[in-house]
C-alpha atoms as a PDB file:
ATOM      1  CA  MET A   1     101.894  97.773 130.223  1.00  0.00           C
ATOM      2  CA  ALA A   2      99.575  95.527 128.234  1.00  0.00           C
ATOM      3  CA  ILE A   3      96.903  97.012 126.031  1.00  0.00           C
ATOM      4  CA  HIS A   4      94.168  94.604 125.017  1.00  0.00           C
ATOM      5  CA  MET A   5      91.465  94.876 122.395  1.00  0.00           C
ATOM      6  CA  ASP A   6      87.807  94.271 123.006  1.00  0.00           C
ATOM      7  CA  GLU A   7      86.304  91.127 121.497  1.00  0.00           C
ATOM      8  CA  ARG A   8      84.637  92.928 118.576  1.00  0.00           C
ATOM      9  CA  ALA A   9      87.882  94.606 117.509  1.00  0.00           C
ATOM     10  CA  LEU A  10      89.700  91.291 117.769  1.00  0.00           C
ATOM     11  CA  VAL A  11      87.121  89.591 115.528  1.00  0.00           C
ATOM     12  CA  LEU A  12      87.428  92.399 112.968  1.00  0.00           C
ATOM     13  CA  LEU A  13      91.215  92.131 113.035  1.00  0.00           C
ATOM     14  CA  ARG A  14      91.022  88.380 112.481  1.00  0.00           C
ATOM     15  CA  ARG A  15      88.737  88.983 109.477  1.00  0.00           C
ATOM     16  CA  ARG A  16      91.192  91.492 108.032  1.00  0.00           C
ATOM     17  CA  LEU A  17      94.014  88.996 108.478  1.00  0.00           C
ATOM     18  CA  GLU A  18      91.992  86.233 106.838  1.00  0.00           C
ATOM     19  CA  ALA A  19      91.272  88.544 103.903  1.00  0.00           C
ATOM     20  CA  LEU A  20      95.040  88.870 103.526  1.00  0.00           C
ATOM     21  CA  SER A  21      95.395  85.049 103.711  1.00  0.00           C
ATOM     22  CA  TYR A  22      96.843  85.046 107.231  1.00  0.00           C
ATOM     23  CA  THR A  23      95.059  82.226 109.016  1.00  0.00           C
ATOM     24  CA  GLU A  24      97.451  81.601 111.905  1.00  0.00           C
ATOM     25  CA  HIS A  25      96.254  81.865 115.494  1.00  0.00           C
ATOM     26  CA  LEU A  26      96.066  85.366 116.936  1.00  0.00           C
ATOM     27  CA  ASP A  27      95.934  85.850 120.676  1.00  0.00           C
ATOM     28  CA  ALA A  28      94.505  88.922 122.360  1.00  0.00           C
ATOM     29  CA  ALA A  29      97.840  89.958 123.875  1.00  0.00           C
ATOM     30  CA  SER A  30      99.518  90.428 120.490  1.00  0.00           C
ATOM     31  CA  ALA A  31      96.454  91.836 118.717  1.00  0.00           C
ATOM     32  CA  PRO A  32      97.272  95.545 119.229  1.00  0.00           C
ATOM     33  CA  LEU A  33     100.712  95.097 117.676  1.00  0.00           C
ATOM     34  CA  VAL A  34      99.324  93.006 114.840  1.00  0.00           C
ATOM     35  CA  ALA A  35      96.637  95.645 114.192  1.00  0.00           C
ATOM     36  CA  ARG A  36      99.305  98.335 113.865  1.00  0.00           C
ATOM     37  CA  LEU A  37     101.367  96.147 111.555  1.00  0.00           C
ATOM     38  CA  VAL A  38      98.349  95.418 109.348  1.00  0.00           C
ATOM     39  CA  ASP A  39      97.559  99.144 109.180  1.00  0.00           C
ATOM     40  CA  ASP A  40     101.170  99.871 108.210  1.00  0.00           C
ATOM     41  CA  LEU A  41     101.098  97.112 105.597  1.00  0.00           C
ATOM     42  CA  ILE A  42      97.929  98.474 104.030  1.00  0.00           C
ATOM     43  CA  ARG A  43      99.190 102.069 104.107  1.00  0.00           C
ATOM     44  CA  THR A  44     102.511 100.999 102.553  1.00  0.00           C
ATOM     45  CA  THR A  45     100.744  99.006  99.850  1.00  0.00           C
ATOM     46  CA  ASP A  46      98.504 101.964  99.013  1.00  0.00           C
ATOM     47  CA  SER A  47     101.543 104.261  98.863  1.00  0.00           C
ATOM     48  CA  TYR A  48     103.359 101.809  96.595  1.00  0.00           C
ATOM     49  CA  ARG A  49     100.396 101.656  94.217  1.00  0.00           C
ATOM     50  CA  SER A  50     100.232 105.443  94.108  1.00  0.00           C
ATOM     51  CA  VAL A  51     103.954 105.789  93.395  1.00  0.00           C
ATOM     52  CA  LYS A  52     103.774 103.040  90.763  1.00  0.00           C
ATOM     53  CA  SER A  53     100.906 104.848  89.050  1.00  0.00           C
ATOM     54  CA  GLN A  54     102.797 108.149  89.112  1.00  0.00           C
ATOM     55  CA  ALA A  55     105.908 106.473  87.718  1.00  0.00           C
ATOM     56  CA  SER A  56     103.876 104.992  84.871  1.00  0.00           C
ATOM     57  CA  LYS A  57     102.382 108.413  84.120  1.00  0.00           C
ATOM     58  CA  TYR A  58     105.818 110.032  84.120  1.00  0.00           C
ATOM     59  CA  ALA A  59     107.212 107.283  81.882  1.00  0.00           C
ATOM     60  CA  GLN A  60     104.463 108.014  79.347  1.00  0.00           C
ATOM     61  CA  GLU A  61     105.216 111.741  79.526  1.00  0.00           C
ATOM     62  CA  VAL A  62     108.933 111.084  78.986  1.00  0.00           C
ATOM     63  CA  ALA A  63     108.195 108.835  76.007  1.00  0.00           C
ATOM     64  CA  SER A  64     105.987 111.529  74.496  1.00  0.00           C
ATOM     65  CA  PHE A  65     108.645 114.167  75.115  1.00  0.00           C
ATOM     66  CA  ASN A  66     111.327 111.955  73.545  1.00  0.00           C
ATOM     67  CA  THR A  67     109.155 111.498  70.447  1.00  0.00           C
ATOM     68  CA  LYS A  68     108.744 115.271  70.120  1.00  0.00           C
ATOM     69  CA  VAL A  69     112.476 115.872  70.601  1.00  0.00           C
ATOM     70  CA  SER A  70     113.293 113.240  67.997  1.00  0.00           C
ATOM     71  CA  THR A  71     110.918 114.874  65.508  1.00  0.00           C
ATOM     72  CA  LEU A  72     112.408 118.319  66.139  1.00  0.00           C
ATOM     73  CA  THR A  73     115.931 116.959  65.838  1.00  0.00           C
ATOM     74  CA  ARG A  74     115.149 115.457  62.432  1.00  0.00           C
ATOM     75  CA  ARG A  75     113.583 118.744  61.280  1.00  0.00           C
ATOM     76  CA  CYS A  76     116.547 120.777  62.466  1.00  0.00           C
ATOM     77  CA  ARG A  77     118.973 118.504  60.638  1.00  0.00           C
ATOM     78  CA  GLY A  78     116.930 119.014  57.476  1.00  0.00           C
ATOM     79  CA  TRP A  79     117.006 122.788  57.959  1.00  0.00           C
ATOM     80  CA  LEU A  80     120.735 122.771  58.573  1.00  0.00           C
ATOM     81  CA  PHE A  81     121.264 120.729  55.403  1.00  0.00           C
ATOM     82  CA  LEU A  82     119.247 123.262  53.379  1.00  0.00           C
ATOM     83  CA  VAL A  83     121.132 126.213  54.893  1.00  0.00           C
ATOM     84  CA  CYS A  84     124.535 124.670  54.218  1.00  0.00           C
ATOM     85  CA  VAL A  85     123.801 123.773  50.569  1.00  0.00           C
END
């Protein structure tokens, strides 16, 4: 069962591919599959960027937390020294 795209959709798909630097020939028979693959590629790229941004945010939070823990650790050692003397 072959599903074909209309000419306008095919032209738009070719433009999307060119924007992604894919300039190879695209025939109408493979266009529906290629359209789905391009959509998946874009969705995956967007998801990757989102996860990368979240990871960066969490890394900053961890660094901040580690700084606070280090400060508290130094203070506690000072308190323990004063208590033991």
